[in-house]
């Protein structure tokens, strides 16, 4: 369940704007394009997790996508704040030692925080955590962003490192 909460927070962090077609161009201030309410249309993620317990390694890969999506995020300015509402179901396939398993996990919850846009980088702060998101598409109708997150935790002597790449798309 902890990984789902971690992924949900990551997804929320990955929800803001910047636009540009040319990496050499001076970034245009597109924060006005971000303002308003966006409906999630797609969410895909993939990653790896590696752990070691008493010298024995355990490696996993996973992929997931959202379905039954009823989630929106609203961005305001002056002050730059966001609010997420709704939920969705994640279909998660995990492979460990050549064996795969697929489960559905319902993700719901309210979230709010602040945002700052610098070029193609959106920084989101919520619940005391800050996340940098890379904006792939931002125009008047489409918002797509991605984030790569690495988290290492230690529980009862077991250290686990998880790497997750999340791509989310929204329309209005």
N, C-alpha and C. Protein backbone atom coordinates (compact mmCIF):
# COMPACT_ATOMS: atom_id res chain seq x y z
N UNK A 1 0.83 -1.19 0.00
CA UNK A 1 0.00 0.00 0.00
C UNK A 1 0.87 1.25 0.00
N UNK A 2 2.04 1.17 0.66
CA UNK A 2 2.93 2.33 0.72
C UNK A 2 3.36 2.77 -0.67
N UNK A 3 3.63 1.79 -1.57
CA UNK A 3 4.05 2.17 -2.93
C UNK A 3 2.92 2.87 -3.67
N UNK A 4 1.66 2.47 -3.39
CA UNK A 4 0.54 3.14 -4.05
C UNK A 4 0.41 4.58 -3.57
N UNK A 5 0.58 4.80 -2.26
CA UNK A 5 0.53 6.17 -1.75
C UNK A 5 1.67 6.98 -2.33
N UNK A 6 2.86 6.37 -2.39
CA UNK A 6 4.03 7.05 -2.98
C UNK A 6 3.76 7.40 -4.44
N UNK A 7 3.20 6.45 -5.20
CA UNK A 7 2.90 6.71 -6.61
C UNK A 7 1.82 7.76 -6.75
N UNK A 8 0.81 7.73 -5.88
CA UNK A 8 -0.25 8.72 -5.97
C UNK A 8 0.29 10.12 -5.72
N UNK A 9 1.14 10.27 -4.70
CA UNK A 9 1.75 11.58 -4.44
C UNK A 9 2.61 11.99 -5.61
N UNK A 10 3.36 11.05 -6.18
CA UNK A 10 4.18 11.38 -7.35
C UNK A 10 3.32 11.86 -8.51
N UNK A 11 2.20 11.20 -8.70
CA UNK A 11 1.31 11.58 -9.79
C UNK A 11 0.76 12.98 -9.57
N UNK A 12 0.39 13.28 -8.34
CA UNK A 12 -0.11 14.62 -8.05
C UNK A 12 0.97 15.66 -8.30
N UNK A 13 2.20 15.32 -7.95
CA UNK A 13 3.30 16.25 -8.16
C UNK A 13 3.53 16.48 -9.64
N UNK A 14 3.17 15.50 -10.43
CA UNK A 14 3.42 15.58 -11.87
C UNK A 14 2.25 16.25 -12.56
N UNK A 15 1.74 17.30 -12.05
CA UNK A 15 0.52 17.85 -12.63
C UNK A 15 0.61 19.35 -12.84
N UNK A 16 1.58 19.87 -13.62
CA UNK A 16 1.57 21.29 -13.94
C UNK A 16 2.33 21.57 -15.23
N UNK A 17 2.58 22.87 -15.59
CA UNK A 17 2.81 23.29 -16.95
C UNK A 17 4.09 23.99 -17.30
N UNK A 18 4.48 23.83 -18.55
CA UNK A 18 5.51 24.60 -19.25
C UNK A 18 5.48 24.12 -20.67
N UNK A 19 5.85 24.97 -21.60
CA UNK A 19 5.71 24.62 -23.00
C UNK A 19 6.94 25.00 -23.76
N UNK A 20 7.29 24.21 -24.75
CA UNK A 20 8.41 24.54 -25.60
C UNK A 20 8.66 23.45 -26.59
N UNK A 21 8.94 23.84 -27.83
CA UNK A 21 9.21 22.86 -28.87
C UNK A 21 10.69 22.77 -29.18
N UNK A 22 11.47 23.74 -28.74
CA UNK A 22 12.88 23.81 -29.08
C UNK A 22 13.67 24.02 -27.80
N UNK A 23 14.56 23.07 -27.48
CA UNK A 23 15.33 23.17 -26.26
C UNK A 23 16.22 24.39 -26.24
N UNK A 24 16.60 24.94 -27.41
CA UNK A 24 17.47 26.10 -27.47
C UNK A 24 16.71 27.41 -27.40
N UNK A 25 15.40 27.36 -27.50
CA UNK A 25 14.59 28.58 -27.48
C UNK A 25 14.47 29.10 -26.06
N UNK A 26 14.28 30.39 -25.92
CA UNK A 26 14.03 30.98 -24.62
C UNK A 26 12.64 30.54 -24.19
N UNK A 27 12.50 29.93 -23.00
CA UNK A 27 11.19 29.46 -22.58
C UNK A 27 10.19 30.60 -22.49
N UNK A 28 9.03 30.34 -23.02
CA UNK A 28 7.93 31.29 -23.00
C UNK A 28 7.17 31.10 -21.69
N UNK A 29 6.67 32.18 -21.11
CA UNK A 29 5.86 32.07 -19.90
C UNK A 29 4.50 31.52 -20.29
N UNK A 30 4.29 30.24 -19.99
CA UNK A 30 3.03 29.59 -20.35
C UNK A 30 2.20 29.28 -19.12
N UNK A 31 2.54 29.89 -17.99
CA UNK A 31 1.81 29.58 -16.76
C UNK A 31 0.33 29.89 -16.90
N UNK A 32 -0.03 30.88 -17.74
CA UNK A 32 -1.44 31.18 -17.98
C UNK A 32 -2.17 30.03 -18.64
N UNK A 33 -1.45 29.24 -19.47
CA UNK A 33 -2.06 28.07 -20.10
C UNK A 33 -2.41 27.01 -19.07
N UNK A 34 -1.70 27.00 -17.98
CA UNK A 34 -1.89 26.00 -16.95
C UNK A 34 -3.13 26.27 -16.09
N UNK A 35 -3.48 27.51 -15.94
CA UNK A 35 -4.55 27.91 -15.03
C UNK A 35 -5.89 27.33 -15.49
N UNK A 36 -6.61 26.74 -14.53
CA UNK A 36 -7.92 26.16 -14.82
C UNK A 36 -8.00 24.72 -14.33
N UNK A 37 -9.07 24.05 -14.73
CA UNK A 37 -9.32 22.67 -14.30
C UNK A 37 -9.01 21.71 -15.43
N UNK A 38 -8.26 20.66 -15.10
CA UNK A 38 -7.84 19.64 -16.05
C UNK A 38 -8.39 18.29 -15.62
N UNK A 39 -8.88 17.50 -16.59
CA UNK A 39 -9.39 16.15 -16.35
C UNK A 39 -8.33 15.14 -16.78
N UNK A 40 -7.98 14.22 -15.90
CA UNK A 40 -7.01 13.19 -16.25
C UNK A 40 -7.60 12.27 -17.31
N UNK A 41 -6.81 11.99 -18.35
CA UNK A 41 -7.24 11.06 -19.40
C UNK A 41 -6.38 9.81 -19.45
N UNK A 42 -5.15 9.89 -18.92
CA UNK A 42 -4.24 8.76 -19.02
C UNK A 42 -3.16 8.88 -17.95
N UNK A 43 -2.73 7.75 -17.43
CA UNK A 43 -1.62 7.69 -16.50
C UNK A 43 -0.93 6.35 -16.71
N UNK A 44 0.36 6.40 -16.99
CA UNK A 44 1.16 5.18 -17.16
C UNK A 44 2.40 5.30 -16.30
N UNK A 45 2.79 4.18 -15.70
CA UNK A 45 4.04 4.21 -14.98
C UNK A 45 4.74 2.87 -15.09
N UNK A 46 6.04 2.94 -14.88
CA UNK A 46 6.84 1.73 -14.90
C UNK A 46 8.00 1.94 -13.94
N UNK A 47 8.60 0.84 -13.54
CA UNK A 47 9.72 0.99 -12.64
C UNK A 47 10.32 -0.33 -12.21
N UNK A 48 11.28 -0.17 -11.31
CA UNK A 48 11.98 -1.32 -10.75
C UNK A 48 12.08 -1.14 -9.24
N UNK A 49 12.22 -2.24 -8.56
CA UNK A 49 12.44 -2.22 -7.13
C UNK A 49 13.46 -3.29 -6.80
N UNK A 50 14.44 -2.92 -6.01
CA UNK A 50 15.45 -3.91 -5.61
C UNK A 50 15.62 -3.85 -4.10
N UNK A 51 15.68 -5.03 -3.51
CA UNK A 51 15.83 -5.17 -2.07
C UNK A 51 16.89 -6.22 -1.79
N UNK A 52 17.36 -6.19 -0.57
CA UNK A 52 18.29 -7.23 -0.13
C UNK A 52 17.95 -7.57 1.30
N UNK A 53 17.79 -8.88 1.56
CA UNK A 53 17.50 -9.34 2.90
C UNK A 53 18.47 -10.46 3.24
N UNK A 54 19.26 -10.25 4.25
CA UNK A 54 20.26 -11.22 4.70
C UNK A 54 21.13 -11.69 3.54
N UNK A 55 21.53 -10.75 2.70
CA UNK A 55 22.43 -11.04 1.60
C UNK A 55 21.77 -11.58 0.35
N UNK A 56 20.47 -11.79 0.38
CA UNK A 56 19.75 -12.32 -0.78
C UNK A 56 19.04 -11.18 -1.51
N UNK A 57 19.40 -10.96 -2.81
CA UNK A 57 18.75 -9.88 -3.56
C UNK A 57 17.35 -10.28 -4.03
N UNK A 58 16.47 -9.30 -4.09
CA UNK A 58 15.12 -9.48 -4.61
C UNK A 58 14.85 -8.32 -5.55
N UNK A 59 14.65 -8.63 -6.83
CA UNK A 59 14.43 -7.59 -7.84
C UNK A 59 13.05 -7.75 -8.46
N UNK A 60 12.38 -6.62 -8.67
CA UNK A 60 11.05 -6.61 -9.27
C UNK A 60 11.00 -5.56 -10.37
N UNK A 61 10.16 -5.82 -11.35
CA UNK A 61 9.79 -4.79 -12.33
C UNK A 61 8.28 -4.64 -12.24
N UNK A 62 7.79 -3.47 -12.59
CA UNK A 62 6.34 -3.28 -12.56
C UNK A 62 5.93 -2.27 -13.61
N UNK A 63 4.72 -2.45 -14.08
CA UNK A 63 4.08 -1.50 -14.99
C UNK A 63 2.66 -1.31 -14.50
N UNK A 64 2.12 -0.15 -14.79
CA UNK A 64 0.76 0.12 -14.37
C UNK A 64 0.13 1.18 -15.23
N UNK A 65 -1.19 1.18 -15.24
CA UNK A 65 -1.93 2.22 -15.94
C UNK A 65 -3.22 2.48 -15.19
N UNK A 66 -3.75 3.69 -15.39
CA UNK A 66 -5.00 4.07 -14.72
C UNK A 66 -6.19 3.69 -15.59
N UNK A 67 -7.26 3.28 -14.92
CA UNK A 67 -8.53 3.02 -15.58
C UNK A 67 -9.63 3.53 -14.65
N UNK A 68 -10.85 3.57 -15.14
CA UNK A 68 -11.97 4.10 -14.35
C UNK A 68 -11.59 5.47 -13.76
N UNK A 69 -11.05 6.32 -14.63
CA UNK A 69 -10.50 7.61 -14.19
C UNK A 69 -11.61 8.63 -13.96
N UNK A 70 -11.64 9.20 -12.77
CA UNK A 70 -12.52 10.31 -12.42
C UNK A 70 -11.70 11.25 -11.53
N UNK A 71 -10.68 11.86 -12.12
CA UNK A 71 -9.75 12.69 -11.35
C UNK A 71 -9.52 14.00 -12.08
N UNK A 72 -9.50 15.08 -11.33
CA UNK A 72 -9.21 16.39 -11.91
C UNK A 72 -8.27 17.16 -11.01
N UNK A 73 -7.58 18.12 -11.62
CA UNK A 73 -6.70 19.01 -10.87
C UNK A 73 -6.95 20.43 -11.35
N UNK A 74 -7.02 21.34 -10.41
CA UNK A 74 -7.27 22.75 -10.72
C UNK A 74 -6.08 23.57 -10.27
N UNK A 75 -5.57 24.43 -11.19
CA UNK A 75 -4.46 25.33 -10.90
C UNK A 75 -4.97 26.76 -10.85
N UNK A 76 -4.55 27.49 -9.84
CA UNK A 76 -4.88 28.91 -9.74
C UNK A 76 -3.59 29.70 -9.63
N UNK A 77 -3.69 31.01 -9.87
CA UNK A 77 -2.51 31.87 -9.72
C UNK A 77 -2.83 33.04 -8.80
N UNK A 78 -1.78 33.60 -8.24
CA UNK A 78 -1.88 34.73 -7.29
C UNK A 78 -2.82 34.43 -6.14
N UNK A 79 -2.60 33.42 -5.34
CA UNK A 79 -1.37 32.63 -5.23
C UNK A 79 -1.40 31.40 -6.16
N UNK A 80 -0.20 30.88 -6.46
CA UNK A 80 -0.04 29.70 -7.31
C UNK A 80 -0.33 28.45 -6.48
N UNK A 81 -1.57 27.98 -6.56
CA UNK A 81 -1.99 26.81 -5.80
C UNK A 81 -2.67 25.80 -6.72
N UNK A 82 -2.70 24.54 -6.27
CA UNK A 82 -3.43 23.50 -7.00
C UNK A 82 -4.26 22.69 -6.03
N UNK A 83 -5.32 22.07 -6.57
CA UNK A 83 -6.17 21.18 -5.79
C UNK A 83 -6.56 20.00 -6.66
N UNK A 84 -6.31 18.79 -6.18
CA UNK A 84 -6.68 17.58 -6.89
C UNK A 84 -7.89 16.93 -6.24
N UNK A 85 -8.80 16.40 -7.06
CA UNK A 85 -10.03 15.77 -6.57
C UNK A 85 -10.35 14.52 -7.38
N UNK A 86 -10.92 13.51 -6.70
CA UNK A 86 -11.39 12.33 -7.40
C UNK A 86 -10.51 11.13 -7.18
N UNK A 87 -10.50 10.23 -8.17
CA UNK A 87 -9.71 9.02 -8.05
C UNK A 87 -9.70 8.22 -9.33
N UNK A 88 -9.10 7.04 -9.25
CA UNK A 88 -8.97 6.15 -10.39
C UNK A 88 -8.53 4.79 -9.86
N UNK A 89 -8.50 3.81 -10.74
CA UNK A 89 -8.01 2.47 -10.40
C UNK A 89 -6.70 2.24 -11.14
N UNK A 90 -5.70 1.74 -10.43
CA UNK A 90 -4.42 1.38 -11.04
C UNK A 90 -4.43 -0.13 -11.29
N UNK A 91 -4.17 -0.53 -12.53
CA UNK A 91 -3.95 -1.94 -12.82
C UNK A 91 -2.44 -2.14 -12.82
N UNK A 92 -1.94 -2.86 -11.83
CA UNK A 92 -0.51 -3.02 -11.60
C UNK A 92 -0.08 -4.45 -11.88
N UNK A 93 0.92 -4.59 -12.74
CA UNK A 93 1.52 -5.90 -13.01
C UNK A 93 2.94 -5.88 -12.49
N UNK A 94 3.23 -6.80 -11.58
CA UNK A 94 4.55 -6.90 -10.96
C UNK A 94 5.17 -8.24 -11.35
N UNK A 95 6.45 -8.20 -11.71
CA UNK A 95 7.16 -9.42 -12.08
C UNK A 95 8.36 -9.59 -11.15
N UNK A 96 8.40 -10.76 -10.49
CA UNK A 96 9.49 -11.09 -9.57
C UNK A 96 9.93 -12.51 -9.88
N UNK A 97 11.21 -12.70 -10.14
CA UNK A 97 11.73 -14.04 -10.40
C UNK A 97 11.04 -14.74 -11.54
N UNK A 98 10.63 -14.00 -12.55
CA UNK A 98 9.98 -14.59 -13.71
C UNK A 98 8.49 -14.83 -13.54
N UNK A 99 7.95 -14.58 -12.37
CA UNK A 99 6.53 -14.77 -12.10
C UNK A 99 5.83 -13.42 -12.07
N UNK A 100 4.72 -13.30 -12.79
CA UNK A 100 3.97 -12.05 -12.84
C UNK A 100 2.65 -12.17 -12.11
N UNK A 101 2.23 -11.06 -11.53
CA UNK A 101 0.93 -10.98 -10.87
C UNK A 101 0.34 -9.62 -11.17
N UNK A 102 -0.97 -9.58 -11.39
CA UNK A 102 -1.66 -8.33 -11.69
C UNK A 102 -2.76 -8.10 -10.67
N UNK A 103 -2.81 -6.88 -10.14
CA UNK A 103 -3.84 -6.51 -9.19
C UNK A 103 -4.41 -5.14 -9.58
N UNK A 104 -5.61 -4.86 -9.11
CA UNK A 104 -6.22 -3.54 -9.24
C UNK A 104 -6.19 -2.88 -7.87
N UNK A 105 -5.83 -1.61 -7.84
CA UNK A 105 -5.80 -0.85 -6.59
C UNK A 105 -6.51 0.47 -6.82
N UNK A 106 -7.53 0.75 -6.01
CA UNK A 106 -8.26 2.01 -6.12
C UNK A 106 -7.47 3.11 -5.42
N UNK A 107 -7.28 4.21 -6.13
CA UNK A 107 -6.56 5.36 -5.59
C UNK A 107 -7.55 6.51 -5.49
N UNK A 108 -7.72 7.04 -4.30
CA UNK A 108 -8.61 8.18 -4.13
C UNK A 108 -8.00 9.11 -3.09
N UNK A 109 -8.40 10.33 -3.15
CA UNK A 109 -7.90 11.26 -2.16
C UNK A 109 -7.89 12.68 -2.66
N UNK A 110 -7.90 13.56 -1.74
CA UNK A 110 -7.85 14.99 -2.03
C UNK A 110 -6.41 15.44 -1.80
N UNK A 111 -5.96 16.39 -2.61
CA UNK A 111 -4.60 16.91 -2.45
C UNK A 111 -4.59 18.38 -2.80
N UNK A 112 -3.73 19.12 -2.12
CA UNK A 112 -3.56 20.52 -2.47
C UNK A 112 -2.17 20.97 -2.09
N UNK A 113 -1.73 22.04 -2.73
CA UNK A 113 -0.40 22.56 -2.48
C UNK A 113 -0.12 23.76 -3.36
N UNK A 114 1.17 24.02 -3.56
CA UNK A 114 1.59 25.17 -4.36
C UNK A 114 2.39 24.70 -5.56
N UNK A 115 2.52 25.59 -6.56
CA UNK A 115 3.28 25.25 -7.76
C UNK A 115 4.11 26.45 -8.19
N UNK A 116 5.23 26.13 -8.89
CA UNK A 116 6.09 27.15 -9.48
C UNK A 116 6.58 26.62 -10.82
N UNK A 117 6.51 27.46 -11.85
CA UNK A 117 6.88 27.06 -13.20
C UNK A 117 8.11 27.83 -13.64
N UNK A 118 9.16 27.09 -14.04
CA UNK A 118 10.39 27.67 -14.57
C UNK A 118 10.72 26.97 -15.87
N UNK A 119 10.42 27.60 -17.01
CA UNK A 119 10.65 26.97 -18.30
C UNK A 119 9.81 25.73 -18.43
N UNK A 120 10.46 24.60 -18.68
CA UNK A 120 9.76 23.32 -18.84
C UNK A 120 9.70 22.54 -17.53
N UNK A 121 10.08 23.16 -16.42
CA UNK A 121 10.11 22.48 -15.13
C UNK A 121 9.02 23.05 -14.23
N UNK A 122 8.20 22.17 -13.73
CA UNK A 122 7.15 22.54 -12.79
C UNK A 122 7.52 21.95 -11.44
N UNK A 123 7.57 22.78 -10.43
CA UNK A 123 7.86 22.33 -9.08
C UNK A 123 6.56 22.38 -8.28
N UNK A 124 6.21 21.24 -7.70
CA UNK A 124 4.99 21.10 -6.92
C UNK A 124 5.37 20.83 -5.47
N UNK A 125 4.69 21.48 -4.55
CA UNK A 125 4.91 21.22 -3.13
C UNK A 125 3.56 20.88 -2.50
N UNK A 126 3.50 19.72 -1.84
CA UNK A 126 2.28 19.28 -1.16
C UNK A 126 2.68 18.42 0.02
N UNK A 127 2.00 18.59 1.11
CA UNK A 127 2.25 17.79 2.32
C UNK A 127 3.72 17.80 2.72
N UNK A 128 4.38 18.94 2.56
CA UNK A 128 5.77 19.07 2.96
C UNK A 128 6.77 18.43 2.02
N UNK A 129 6.32 17.89 0.90
CA UNK A 129 7.22 17.26 -0.06
C UNK A 129 7.23 18.06 -1.35
N UNK A 130 8.43 18.17 -1.96
CA UNK A 130 8.59 18.91 -3.21
C UNK A 130 8.98 17.95 -4.32
N UNK A 131 8.38 18.14 -5.49
CA UNK A 131 8.64 17.27 -6.65
C UNK A 131 8.83 18.14 -7.88
N UNK A 132 9.84 17.80 -8.68
CA UNK A 132 10.06 18.47 -9.96
C UNK A 132 9.47 17.62 -11.08
N UNK A 133 8.68 18.25 -11.95
CA UNK A 133 8.02 17.57 -13.05
C UNK A 133 8.51 18.16 -14.36
N UNK A 134 8.65 17.31 -15.37
CA UNK A 134 9.03 17.75 -16.71
C UNK A 134 7.78 17.82 -17.57
N UNK A 135 7.48 19.02 -18.07
CA UNK A 135 6.31 19.22 -18.92
C UNK A 135 6.66 18.79 -20.34
N UNK A 136 5.87 17.88 -20.91
CA UNK A 136 6.07 17.41 -22.28
C UNK A 136 5.19 18.17 -23.25
N UNK A 137 3.93 18.42 -22.87
CA UNK A 137 2.98 19.15 -23.71
C UNK A 137 2.17 20.07 -22.81
N UNK A 138 2.04 21.33 -23.22
CA UNK A 138 1.15 22.26 -22.54
C UNK A 138 0.62 23.23 -23.58
N UNK A 139 -0.66 23.14 -23.83
CA UNK A 139 -1.33 24.11 -24.68
C UNK A 139 -2.72 24.34 -24.11
N UNK A 140 -3.57 25.03 -24.82
CA UNK A 140 -4.87 25.39 -24.24
C UNK A 140 -5.76 24.19 -23.93
N UNK A 141 -5.50 23.02 -24.56
CA UNK A 141 -6.36 21.86 -24.34
C UNK A 141 -5.68 20.63 -23.76
N UNK A 142 -4.35 20.58 -23.77
CA UNK A 142 -3.63 19.36 -23.37
C UNK A 142 -2.49 19.68 -22.41
N UNK A 143 -2.37 18.87 -21.38
CA UNK A 143 -1.27 18.93 -20.43
C UNK A 143 -0.73 17.53 -20.25
N UNK A 144 0.55 17.33 -20.54
CA UNK A 144 1.21 16.04 -20.33
C UNK A 144 2.53 16.31 -19.63
N UNK A 145 2.80 15.54 -18.58
CA UNK A 145 4.05 15.70 -17.86
C UNK A 145 4.58 14.34 -17.43
N UNK A 146 5.85 14.34 -17.07
CA UNK A 146 6.49 13.10 -16.61
C UNK A 146 7.35 13.40 -15.40
N UNK A 147 7.59 12.37 -14.63
CA UNK A 147 8.45 12.50 -13.46
C UNK A 147 9.18 11.19 -13.24
N UNK A 148 10.41 11.32 -12.80
CA UNK A 148 11.18 10.15 -12.40
C UNK A 148 11.51 10.31 -10.93
N UNK A 149 11.14 9.31 -10.14
CA UNK A 149 11.31 9.38 -8.70
C UNK A 149 12.08 8.15 -8.23
N UNK A 150 13.03 8.38 -7.35
CA UNK A 150 13.76 7.29 -6.70
C UNK A 150 13.57 7.43 -5.20
N UNK A 151 13.20 6.32 -4.56
CA UNK A 151 12.99 6.33 -3.12
C UNK A 151 13.69 5.12 -2.52
N UNK A 152 14.43 5.34 -1.46
CA UNK A 152 15.07 4.26 -0.72
C UNK A 152 14.52 4.26 0.69
N UNK A 153 14.03 3.10 1.12
CA UNK A 153 13.51 2.98 2.48
C UNK A 153 14.18 1.80 3.17
N UNK A 154 14.24 1.87 4.49
CA UNK A 154 14.80 0.79 5.30
C UNK A 154 13.78 0.43 6.36
N UNK A 155 13.30 -0.81 6.30
CA UNK A 155 12.32 -1.29 7.26
C UNK A 155 12.84 -2.58 7.87
N UNK A 156 13.04 -2.56 9.16
CA UNK A 156 13.49 -3.75 9.90
C UNK A 156 14.71 -4.41 9.26
N UNK A 157 15.67 -3.60 8.84
CA UNK A 157 16.90 -4.13 8.28
C UNK A 157 16.84 -4.50 6.81
N UNK A 158 15.71 -4.30 6.18
CA UNK A 158 15.57 -4.57 4.75
C UNK A 158 15.57 -3.23 4.02
N UNK A 159 16.57 -3.03 3.16
CA UNK A 159 16.66 -1.80 2.39
C UNK A 159 16.09 -2.06 1.00
N UNK A 160 15.20 -1.18 0.58
CA UNK A 160 14.57 -1.31 -0.72
C UNK A 160 14.69 0.02 -1.47
N UNK A 161 15.11 -0.06 -2.74
CA UNK A 161 15.20 1.12 -3.59
C UNK A 161 14.23 0.93 -4.75
N UNK A 162 13.36 1.92 -4.93
CA UNK A 162 12.36 1.88 -5.99
C UNK A 162 12.57 3.05 -6.93
N UNK A 163 12.60 2.78 -8.23
CA UNK A 163 12.69 3.80 -9.28
C UNK A 163 11.40 3.76 -10.07
N UNK A 164 10.73 4.92 -10.20
CA UNK A 164 9.43 4.98 -10.87
C UNK A 164 9.45 6.11 -11.90
N UNK A 165 8.94 5.82 -13.09
CA UNK A 165 8.71 6.84 -14.11
C UNK A 165 7.20 6.91 -14.35
N UNK A 166 6.64 8.11 -14.19
CA UNK A 166 5.20 8.31 -14.33
C UNK A 166 4.95 9.35 -15.42
N UNK A 167 4.03 9.04 -16.32
CA UNK A 167 3.60 10.00 -17.35
C UNK A 167 2.09 10.14 -17.23
N UNK A 168 1.63 11.39 -17.09
CA UNK A 168 0.20 11.67 -16.93
C UNK A 168 -0.26 12.65 -18.00
N UNK A 169 -1.48 12.44 -18.49
CA UNK A 169 -2.07 13.33 -19.50
C UNK A 169 -3.42 13.83 -19.02
N UNK A 170 -3.69 15.10 -19.34
CA UNK A 170 -4.93 15.76 -18.95
C UNK A 170 -5.47 16.56 -20.13
N UNK A 171 -6.78 16.76 -20.14
CA UNK A 171 -7.42 17.64 -21.13
C UNK A 171 -8.39 18.55 -20.39
N UNK A 172 -8.82 19.59 -21.12
CA UNK A 172 -9.89 20.43 -20.56
C UNK A 172 -10.82 20.86 -21.67
